[in-house]
Amino acid sequence: MPNIKQAKKRARQAEGSRQLNKHHRSKMRTSIKKVQAAIEENNKDAANAAFKDACPVIDSMVNKGILHKNNAARKKQRLNGHIKAL
């Protein structure tokens, strides 16, 4: 446990950031799972719609610094490849 006032504040800020990052990451994973569920059902229209909703969520993770840009590009590329294979 921190003893210095500044360290206590940084601990509070770190916890807030962790909770926010956790929320955003969960939102991204949920949107990806929606695309994957539509792909498993072989529903190309639903998969495309879910993919269009998921792309901005994934891109916003990059802008927030939660996800690396190459990681986001890889996620989108793989999802798009699965959709095209339908």
PDB file of N, CA and C in Angstrom:
ATOM      1  N   MET A   1       0.851  -1.185   0.000  1.00  0.00           N
ATOM      2  CA  MET A   1       0.000   0.000   0.000  1.00  0.00           C
ATOM      3  C   MET A   1       0.888   1.236   0.000  1.00  0.00           C
ATOM      4  N   PRO A   2       0.578   2.209  -0.847  1.00  0.00           N
ATOM      5  CA  PRO A   2       1.418   3.407  -0.910  1.00  0.00           C
ATOM      6  C   PRO A   2       1.257   4.295   0.327  1.00  0.00           C
ATOM      7  N   ASN A   3       2.353   4.915   0.716  1.00  0.00           N
ATOM      8  CA  ASN A   3       2.343   5.810   1.875  1.00  0.00           C
ATOM      9  C   ASN A   3       2.315   7.275   1.470  1.00  0.00           C
ATOM     10  N   ILE A   4       2.880   7.573   0.312  1.00  0.00           N
ATOM     11  CA  ILE A   4       2.986   8.955  -0.133  1.00  0.00           C
ATOM     12  C   ILE A   4       1.695   9.352  -0.833  1.00  0.00           C
ATOM     13  N   LYS A   5       1.319  10.610  -0.644  1.00  0.00           N
ATOM     14  CA  LYS A   5       0.061  11.113  -1.187  1.00  0.00           C
ATOM     15  C   LYS A   5      -0.012  10.941  -2.704  1.00  0.00           C
ATOM     16  N   GLN A   6       1.057  11.253  -3.393  1.00  0.00           N
ATOM     17  CA  GLN A   6       1.084  11.135  -4.841  1.00  0.00           C
ATOM     18  C   GLN A   6       0.908   9.675  -5.274  1.00  0.00           C
ATOM     19  N   ALA A   7       1.534   8.761  -4.556  1.00  0.00           N
ATOM     20  CA  ALA A   7       1.434   7.339  -4.892  1.00  0.00           C
ATOM     21  C   ALA A   7       0.014   6.829  -4.663  1.00  0.00           C
ATOM     22  N   LYS A   8      -0.646   7.360  -3.629  1.00  0.00           N
ATOM     23  CA  LYS A   8      -2.039   6.968  -3.367  1.00  0.00           C
ATOM     24  C   LYS A   8      -2.936   7.422  -4.517  1.00  0.00           C
ATOM     25  N   LYS A   9      -2.701   8.649  -4.983  1.00  0.00           N
ATOM     26  CA  LYS A   9      -3.493   9.178  -6.091  1.00  0.00           C
ATOM     27  C   LYS A   9      -3.248   8.358  -7.364  1.00  0.00           C
ATOM     28  N   ARG A  10      -1.991   8.031  -7.632  1.00  0.00           N
ATOM     29  CA  ARG A  10      -1.673   7.241  -8.821  1.00  0.00           C
ATOM     30  C   ARG A  10      -2.330   5.862  -8.740  1.00  0.00           C
ATOM     31  N   ALA A  11      -2.410   5.289  -7.554  1.00  0.00           N
ATOM     32  CA  ALA A  11      -3.058   3.987  -7.386  1.00  0.00           C
ATOM     33  C   ALA A  11      -4.548   4.102  -7.700  1.00  0.00           C
ATOM     34  N   ARG A  12      -5.162   5.203  -7.232  1.00  0.00           N
ATOM     35  CA  ARG A  12      -6.584   5.425  -7.537  1.00  0.00           C
ATOM     36  C   ARG A  12      -6.792   5.596  -9.040  1.00  0.00           C
ATOM     37  N   GLN A  13      -5.930   6.375  -9.678  1.00  0.00           N
ATOM     38  CA  GLN A  13      -6.044   6.608 -11.110  1.00  0.00           C
ATOM     39  C   GLN A  13      -5.825   5.319 -11.901  1.00  0.00           C
ATOM     40  N   ALA A  14      -4.866   4.518 -11.476  1.00  0.00           N
ATOM     41  CA  ALA A  14      -4.579   3.266 -12.166  1.00  0.00           C
ATOM     42  C   ALA A  14      -5.775   2.329 -12.084  1.00  0.00           C
ATOM     43  N   GLU A  15      -6.424   2.282 -10.945  1.00  0.00           N
ATOM     44  CA  GLU A  15      -7.607   1.424 -10.787  1.00  0.00           C
ATOM     45  C   GLU A  15      -8.750   1.901 -11.686  1.00  0.00           C
ATOM     46  N   GLY A  16      -8.932   3.204 -11.770  1.00  0.00           N
ATOM     47  CA  GLY A  16      -9.964   3.738 -12.654  1.00  0.00           C
ATOM     48  C   GLY A  16      -9.696   3.409 -14.111  1.00  0.00           C
ATOM     49  N   SER A  17      -8.430   3.557 -14.514  1.00  0.00           N
ATOM     50  CA  SER A  17      -8.048   3.240 -15.889  1.00  0.00           C
ATOM     51  C   SER A  17      -8.229   1.759 -16.165  1.00  0.00           C
ATOM     52  N   ARG A  18      -7.895   0.928 -15.194  1.00  0.00           N
ATOM     53  CA  ARG A  18      -8.030  -0.518 -15.371  1.00  0.00           C
ATOM     54  C   ARG A  18      -9.485  -0.900 -15.584  1.00  0.00           C
ATOM     55  N   GLN A  19     -10.367  -0.313 -14.799  1.00  0.00           N
ATOM     56  CA  GLN A  19     -11.795  -0.611 -14.938  1.00  0.00           C
ATOM     57  C   GLN A  19     -12.323  -0.157 -16.299  1.00  0.00           C
ATOM     58  N   LEU A  20     -11.895   1.014 -16.740  1.00  0.00           N
ATOM     59  CA  LEU A  20     -12.332   1.540 -18.029  1.00  0.00           C
ATOM     60  C   LEU A  20     -11.816   0.678 -19.180  1.00  0.00           C
ATOM     61  N   ASN A  21     -10.525   0.299 -19.096  1.00  0.00           N
ATOM     62  CA  ASN A  21      -9.953  -0.563 -20.134  1.00  0.00           C
ATOM     63  C   ASN A  21     -10.664  -1.909 -20.173  1.00  0.00           C
ATOM     64  N   LYS A  22     -10.999  -2.429 -19.003  1.00  0.00           N
ATOM     65  CA  LYS A  22     -11.705  -3.710 -18.912  1.00  0.00           C
ATOM     66  C   LYS A  22     -13.066  -3.615 -19.594  1.00  0.00           C
ATOM     67  N   HIS A  23     -13.762  -2.503 -19.380  1.00  0.00           N
ATOM     68  CA  HIS A  23     -15.072  -2.289 -19.994  1.00  0.00           C
ATOM     69  C   HIS A  23     -14.956  -2.243 -21.515  1.00  0.00           C
ATOM     70  N   HIS A  24     -13.995  -1.467 -22.014  1.00  0.00           N
ATOM     71  CA  HIS A  24     -13.831  -1.321 -23.460  1.00  0.00           C
ATOM     72  C   HIS A  24     -13.404  -2.638 -24.102  1.00  0.00           C
ATOM     73  N   ARG A  25     -12.500  -3.357 -23.446  1.00  0.00           N
ATOM     74  CA  ARG A  25     -12.029  -4.632 -23.990  1.00  0.00           C
ATOM     75  C   ARG A  25     -13.172  -5.647 -24.049  1.00  0.00           C
ATOM     76  N   SER A  26     -14.021  -5.633 -23.036  1.00  0.00           N
ATOM     77  CA  SER A  26     -15.177  -6.534 -23.010  1.00  0.00           C
ATOM     78  C   SER A  26     -16.135  -6.206 -24.144  1.00  0.00           C
ATOM     79  N   LYS A  27     -16.341  -4.914 -24.385  1.00  0.00           N
ATOM     80  CA  LYS A  27     -17.218  -4.475 -25.472  1.00  0.00           C
ATOM     81  C   LYS A  27     -16.685  -4.953 -26.821  1.00  0.00           C
ATOM     82  N   MET A  28     -15.370  -4.866 -27.003  1.00  0.00           N
ATOM     83  CA  MET A  28     -14.752  -5.301 -28.245  1.00  0.00           C
ATOM     84  C   MET A  28     -14.916  -6.808 -28.418  1.00  0.00           C
ATOM     85  N   ARG A  29     -14.648  -7.570 -27.369  1.00  0.00           N
ATOM     86  CA  ARG A  29     -14.758  -9.025 -27.457  1.00  0.00           C
ATOM     87  C   ARG A  29     -16.191  -9.454 -27.760  1.00  0.00           C
ATOM     88  N   THR A  30     -17.163  -8.766 -27.178  1.00  0.00           N
ATOM     89  CA  THR A  30     -18.564  -9.084 -27.440  1.00  0.00           C
ATOM     90  C   THR A  30     -18.905  -8.847 -28.906  1.00  0.00           C
ATOM     91  N   SER A  31     -18.427  -7.734 -29.461  1.00  0.00           N
ATOM     92  CA  SER A  31     -18.725  -7.442 -30.864  1.00  0.00           C
ATOM     93  C   SER A  31     -18.078  -8.475 -31.789  1.00  0.00           C
ATOM     94  N   ILE A  32     -16.888  -8.936 -31.438  1.00  0.00           N
ATOM     95  CA  ILE A  32     -16.213  -9.961 -32.239  1.00  0.00           C
ATOM     96  C   ILE A  32     -16.974 -11.283 -32.149  1.00  0.00           C
ATOM     97  N   LYS A  33     -17.461 -11.616 -30.961  1.00  0.00           N
ATOM     98  CA  LYS A  33     -18.212 -12.858 -30.785  1.00  0.00           C
ATOM     99  C   LYS A  33     -19.513 -12.845 -31.575  1.00  0.00           C
ATOM    100  N   LYS A  34     -20.125 -11.680 -31.732  1.00  0.00           N
ATOM    101  CA  LYS A  34     -21.342 -11.582 -32.540  1.00  0.00           C
ATOM    102  C   LYS A  34     -21.044 -11.918 -33.997  1.00  0.00           C
ATOM    103  N   VAL A  35     -19.910 -11.446 -34.488  1.00  0.00           N
ATOM    104  CA  VAL A  35     -19.523 -11.758 -35.866  1.00  0.00           C
ATOM    105  C   VAL A  35     -19.265 -13.257 -35.996  1.00  0.00           C
ATOM    106  N   GLN A  36     -18.534 -13.820 -35.045  1.00  0.00           N
ATOM    107  CA  GLN A  36     -18.209 -15.243 -35.104  1.00  0.00           C
ATOM    108  C   GLN A  36     -19.470 -16.102 -35.014  1.00  0.00           C
ATOM    109  N   ALA A  37     -20.439 -15.689 -34.216  1.00  0.00           N
ATOM    110  CA  ALA A  37     -21.688 -16.449 -34.104  1.00  0.00           C
ATOM    111  C   ALA A  37     -22.437 -16.448 -35.428  1.00  0.00           C
ATOM    112  N   ALA A  38     -22.454 -15.299 -36.106  1.00  0.00           N
ATOM    113  CA  ALA A  38     -23.127 -15.214 -37.404  1.00  0.00           C
ATOM    114  C   ALA A  38     -22.390 -16.067 -38.446  1.00  0.00           C
ATOM    115  N   ILE A  39     -21.074 -16.127 -38.343  1.00  0.00           N
ATOM    116  CA  ILE A  39     -20.294 -16.945 -39.275  1.00  0.00           C
ATOM    117  C   ILE A  39     -20.597 -18.429 -39.050  1.00  0.00           C
ATOM    118  N   GLU A  40     -20.689 -18.838 -37.798  1.00  0.00           N
ATOM    119  CA  GLU A  40     -20.982 -20.243 -37.488  1.00  0.00           C
ATOM    120  C   GLU A  40     -22.369 -20.658 -37.972  1.00  0.00           C
ATOM    121  N   GLU A  41     -23.293 -19.695 -38.022  1.00  0.00           N
ATOM    122  CA  GLU A  41     -24.642 -19.981 -38.517  1.00  0.00           C
ATOM    123  C   GLU A  41     -24.714 -19.927 -40.047  1.00  0.00           C
ATOM    124  N   ASN A  42     -23.584 -19.644 -40.692  1.00  0.00           N
ATOM    125  CA  ASN A  42     -23.507 -19.493 -42.147  1.00  0.00           C
ATOM    126  C   ASN A  42     -24.457 -18.418 -42.660  1.00  0.00           C
ATOM    127  N   ASN A  43     -24.646 -17.362 -41.878  1.00  0.00           N
ATOM    128  CA  ASN A  43     -25.511 -16.251 -42.247  1.00  0.00           C
ATOM    129  C   ASN A  43     -24.614 -15.090 -42.684  1.00  0.00           C
ATOM    130  N   LYS A  44     -24.403 -14.990 -43.988  1.00  0.00           N
ATOM    131  CA  LYS A  44     -23.456 -13.996 -44.509  1.00  0.00           C
ATOM    132  C   LYS A  44     -23.945 -12.564 -44.287  1.00  0.00           C
ATOM    133  N   ASP A  45     -25.251 -12.322 -44.445  1.00  0.00           N
ATOM    134  CA  ASP A  45     -25.775 -10.966 -44.259  1.00  0.00           C
ATOM    135  C   ASP A  45     -25.614 -10.502 -42.819  1.00  0.00           C
ATOM    136  N   ALA A  46     -25.958 -11.369 -41.876  1.00  0.00           N
ATOM    137  CA  ALA A  46     -25.817 -11.019 -40.460  1.00  0.00           C
ATOM    138  C   ALA A  46     -24.347 -10.845 -40.093  1.00  0.00           C
ATOM    139  N   ALA A  47     -23.478 -11.673 -40.671  1.00  0.00           N
ATOM    140  CA  ALA A  47     -22.051 -11.568 -40.395  1.00  0.00           C
ATOM    141  C   ALA A  47     -21.499 -10.243 -40.915  1.00  0.00           C
ATOM    142  N   ASN A  48     -21.931  -9.847 -42.115  1.00  0.00           N
ATOM    143  CA  ASN A  48     -21.482  -8.554 -42.656  1.00  0.00           C
ATOM    144  C   ASN A  48     -21.962  -7.395 -41.793  1.00  0.00           C
ATOM    145  N   ALA A  49     -23.216  -7.460 -41.355  1.00  0.00           N
ATOM    146  CA  ALA A  49     -23.752  -6.390 -40.510  1.00  0.00           C
ATOM    147  C   ALA A  49     -23.002  -6.319 -39.179  1.00  0.00           C
ATOM    148  N   ALA A  50     -22.744  -7.478 -38.587  1.00  0.00           N
ATOM    149  CA  ALA A  50     -22.021  -7.505 -37.311  1.00  0.00           C
ATOM    150  C   ALA A  50     -20.585  -7.036 -37.498  1.00  0.00           C
ATOM    151  N   PHE A  51     -19.991  -7.378 -38.642  1.00  0.00           N
ATOM    152  CA  PHE A  51     -18.616  -6.953 -38.925  1.00  0.00           C
ATOM    153  C   PHE A  51     -18.533  -5.439 -39.064  1.00  0.00           C
ATOM    154  N   LYS A  52     -19.541  -4.851 -39.729  1.00  0.00           N
ATOM    155  CA  LYS A  52     -19.553  -3.389 -39.877  1.00  0.00           C
ATOM    156  C   LYS A  52     -19.716  -2.696 -38.525  1.00  0.00           C
ATOM    157  N   ASP A  53     -20.417  -3.338 -37.587  1.00  0.00           N
ATOM    158  CA  ASP A  53     -20.544  -2.776 -36.245  1.00  0.00           C
ATOM    159  C   ASP A  53     -19.272  -2.987 -35.431  1.00  0.00           C
ATOM    160  N   ALA A  54     -18.572  -4.088 -35.691  1.00  0.00           N
ATOM    161  CA  ALA A  54     -17.389  -4.431 -34.899  1.00  0.00           C
ATOM    162  C   ALA A  54     -16.162  -3.607 -35.288  1.00  0.00           C
ATOM    163  N   CYS A  55     -16.043  -3.250 -36.559  1.00  0.00           N
ATOM    164  CA  CYS A  55     -14.852  -2.522 -37.022  1.00  0.00           C
ATOM    165  C   CYS A  55     -14.612  -1.199 -36.279  1.00  0.00           C
ATOM    166  N   PRO A  56     -15.630  -0.341 -36.121  1.00  0.00           N
ATOM    167  CA  PRO A  56     -15.377   0.898 -35.373  1.00  0.00           C
ATOM    168  C   PRO A  56     -15.021   0.654 -33.912  1.00  0.00           C
ATOM    169  N   VAL A  57     -15.563  -0.402 -33.336  1.00  0.00           N
ATOM    170  CA  VAL A  57     -15.247  -0.720 -31.934  1.00  0.00           C
ATOM    171  C   VAL A  57     -13.782  -1.126 -31.827  1.00  0.00           C
ATOM    172  N   ILE A  58     -13.324  -1.957 -32.760  1.00  0.00           N
ATOM    173  CA  ILE A  58     -11.925  -2.391 -32.758  1.00  0.00           C
ATOM    174  C   ILE A  58     -10.999  -1.201 -33.009  1.00  0.00           C
ATOM    175  N   ASP A  59     -11.382  -0.336 -33.952  1.00  0.00           N
ATOM    176  CA  ASP A  59     -10.554   0.840 -34.245  1.00  0.00           C
ATOM    177  C   ASP A  59     -10.481   1.789 -33.055  1.00  0.00           C
ATOM    178  N   SER A  60     -11.567   1.906 -32.320  1.00  0.00           N
ATOM    179  CA  SER A  60     -11.548   2.806 -31.158  1.00  0.00           C
ATOM    180  C   SER A  60     -10.629   2.273 -30.065  1.00  0.00           C
ATOM    181  N   MET A  61     -10.430   0.953 -30.007  1.00  0.00           N
ATOM    182  CA  MET A  61      -9.488   0.392 -29.033  1.00  0.00           C
ATOM    183  C   MET A  61      -8.059   0.815 -29.357  1.00  0.00           C
ATOM    184  N   VAL A  62      -7.783   0.954 -30.655  1.00  0.00           N
ATOM    185  CA  VAL A  62      -6.457   1.420 -31.061  1.00  0.00           C
ATOM    186  C   VAL A  62      -6.278   2.874 -30.641  1.00  0.00           C
ATOM    187  N   ASN A  63      -7.303   3.700 -30.880  1.00  0.00           N
ATOM    188  CA  ASN A  63      -7.207   5.117 -30.538  1.00  0.00           C
ATOM    189  C   ASN A  63      -7.089   5.335 -29.036  1.00  0.00           C
ATOM    190  N   LYS A  64      -7.668   4.444 -28.247  1.00  0.00           N
ATOM    191  CA  LYS A  64      -7.588   4.561 -26.796  1.00  0.00           C
ATOM    192  C   LYS A  64      -6.281   3.994 -26.249  1.00  0.00           C
ATOM    193  N   GLY A  65      -5.506   3.305 -27.103  1.00  0.00           N
ATOM    194  CA  GLY A  65      -4.231   2.748 -26.669  1.00  0.00           C
ATOM    195  C   GLY A  65      -4.367   1.402 -25.980  1.00  0.00           C
ATOM    196  N   ILE A  66      -5.519   0.753 -26.114  1.00  0.00           N
ATOM    197  CA  ILE A  66      -5.737  -0.534 -25.472  1.00  0.00           C
ATOM    198  C   ILE A  66      -5.218  -1.662 -26.357  1.00  0.00           C
ATOM    199  N   LEU A  67      -5.242  -1.438 -27.666  1.00  0.00           N
ATOM    200  CA  LEU A  67      -4.880  -2.469 -28.634  1.00  0.00           C
ATOM    201  C   LEU A  67      -3.868  -1.882 -29.606  1.00  0.00           C
ATOM    202  N   HIS A  68      -2.892  -2.682 -30.015  1.00  0.00           N
ATOM    203  CA  HIS A  68      -1.929  -2.236 -31.008  1.00  0.00           C
ATOM    204  C   HIS A  68      -2.590  -2.227 -32.384  1.00  0.00           C
ATOM    205  N   LYS A  69      -2.167  -1.321 -33.243  1.00  0.00           N
ATOM    206  CA  LYS A  69      -2.827  -1.181 -34.548  1.00  0.00           C
ATOM    207  C   LYS A  69      -2.684  -2.428 -35.410  1.00  0.00           C
ATOM    208  N   ASN A  70      -1.555  -3.109 -35.311  1.00  0.00           N
ATOM    209  CA  ASN A  70      -1.373  -4.333 -36.100  1.00  0.00           C
ATOM    210  C   ASN A  70      -2.266  -5.455 -35.569  1.00  0.00           C
ATOM    211  N   ASN A  71      -2.444  -5.502 -34.266  1.00  0.00           N
ATOM    212  CA  ASN A  71      -3.330  -6.498 -33.658  1.00  0.00           C
ATOM    213  C   ASN A  71      -4.761  -6.268 -34.135  1.00  0.00           C
ATOM    214  N   ALA A  72      -5.184  -5.021 -34.164  1.00  0.00           N
ATOM    215  CA  ALA A  72      -6.538  -4.686 -34.623  1.00  0.00           C
ATOM    216  C   ALA A  72      -6.697  -5.039 -36.099  1.00  0.00           C
ATOM    217  N   ALA A  73      -5.698  -4.737 -36.893  1.00  0.00           N
ATOM    218  CA  ALA A  73      -5.755  -5.044 -38.319  1.00  0.00           C
ATOM    219  C   ALA A  73      -5.846  -6.549 -38.531  1.00  0.00           C
ATOM    220  N   ARG A  74      -5.104  -7.304 -37.744  1.00  0.00           N
ATOM    221  CA  ARG A  74      -5.133  -8.765 -37.852  1.00  0.00           C
ATOM    222  C   ARG A  74      -6.501  -9.317 -37.490  1.00  0.00           C
ATOM    223  N   LYS A  75      -7.102  -8.788 -36.415  1.00  0.00           N
ATOM    224  CA  LYS A  75      -8.439  -9.239 -36.008  1.00  0.00           C
ATOM    225  C   LYS A  75      -9.462  -8.982 -37.116  1.00  0.00           C
ATOM    226  N   LYS A  76      -9.429  -7.779 -37.675  1.00  0.00           N
ATOM    227  CA  LYS A  76     -10.381  -7.429 -38.734  1.00  0.00           C
ATOM    228  C   LYS A  76     -10.136  -8.265 -39.986  1.00  0.00           C
ATOM    229  N   GLN A  77      -8.879  -8.483 -40.326  1.00  0.00           N
ATOM    230  CA  GLN A  77      -8.542  -9.251 -41.522  1.00  0.00           C
ATOM    231  C   GLN A  77      -9.044 -10.684 -41.396  1.00  0.00           C
ATOM    232  N   ARG A  78      -8.863 -11.303 -40.245  1.00  0.00           N
ATOM    233  CA  ARG A  78      -9.291 -12.681 -40.056  1.00  0.00           C
ATOM    234  C   ARG A  78     -10.811 -12.807 -40.084  1.00  0.00           C
ATOM    235  N   LEU A  79     -11.480 -11.870 -39.429  1.00  0.00           N
ATOM    236  CA  LEU A  79     -12.948 -11.901 -39.453  1.00  0.00           C
ATOM    237  C   LEU A  79     -13.461 -11.743 -40.881  1.00  0.00           C
ATOM    238  N   ASN A  80     -12.882 -10.802 -41.619  1.00  0.00           N
ATOM    239  CA  ASN A  80     -13.296 -10.566 -42.993  1.00  0.00           C
ATOM    240  C   ASN A  80     -13.019 -11.778 -43.869  1.00  0.00           C
ATOM    241  N   GLY A  81     -11.902 -12.457 -43.632  1.00  0.00           N
ATOM    242  CA  GLY A  81     -11.577 -13.658 -44.386  1.00  0.00           C
ATOM    243  C   GLY A  81     -12.579 -14.767 -44.150  1.00  0.00           C
ATOM    244  N   HIS A  82     -13.021 -14.922 -42.900  1.00  0.00           N
ATOM    245  CA  HIS A  82     -14.027 -15.938 -42.580  1.00  0.00           C
ATOM    246  C   HIS A  82     -15.359 -15.615 -43.263  1.00  0.00           C
ATOM    247  N   ILE A  83     -15.693 -14.333 -43.300  1.00  0.00           N
ATOM    248  CA  ILE A  83     -16.943 -13.938 -43.942  1.00  0.00           C
ATOM    249  C   ILE A  83     -16.886 -14.206 -45.445  1.00  0.00           C
ATOM    250  N   LYS A  84     -15.752 -13.883 -46.061  1.00  0.00           N
ATOM    251  CA  LYS A  84     -15.619 -14.100 -47.505  1.00  0.00           C
ATOM    252  C   LYS A  84     -15.637 -15.583 -47.859  1.00  0.00           C
ATOM    253  N   ALA A  85     -15.211 -16.434 -46.908  1.00  0.00           N
ATOM    254  CA  ALA A  85     -15.191 -17.874 -47.163  1.00  0.00           C
ATOM    255  C   ALA A  85     -16.589 -18.488 -47.131  1.00  0.00           C
ATOM    256  N   LEU A  86     -17.578 -17.736 -46.621  1.00  0.00           N
ATOM    257  CA  LEU A  86     -18.940 -18.278 -46.558  1.00  0.00           C
ATOM    258  C   LEU A  86     -19.545 -18.439 -47.952  1.00  0.00           C
TER     259      LEU A  86
END
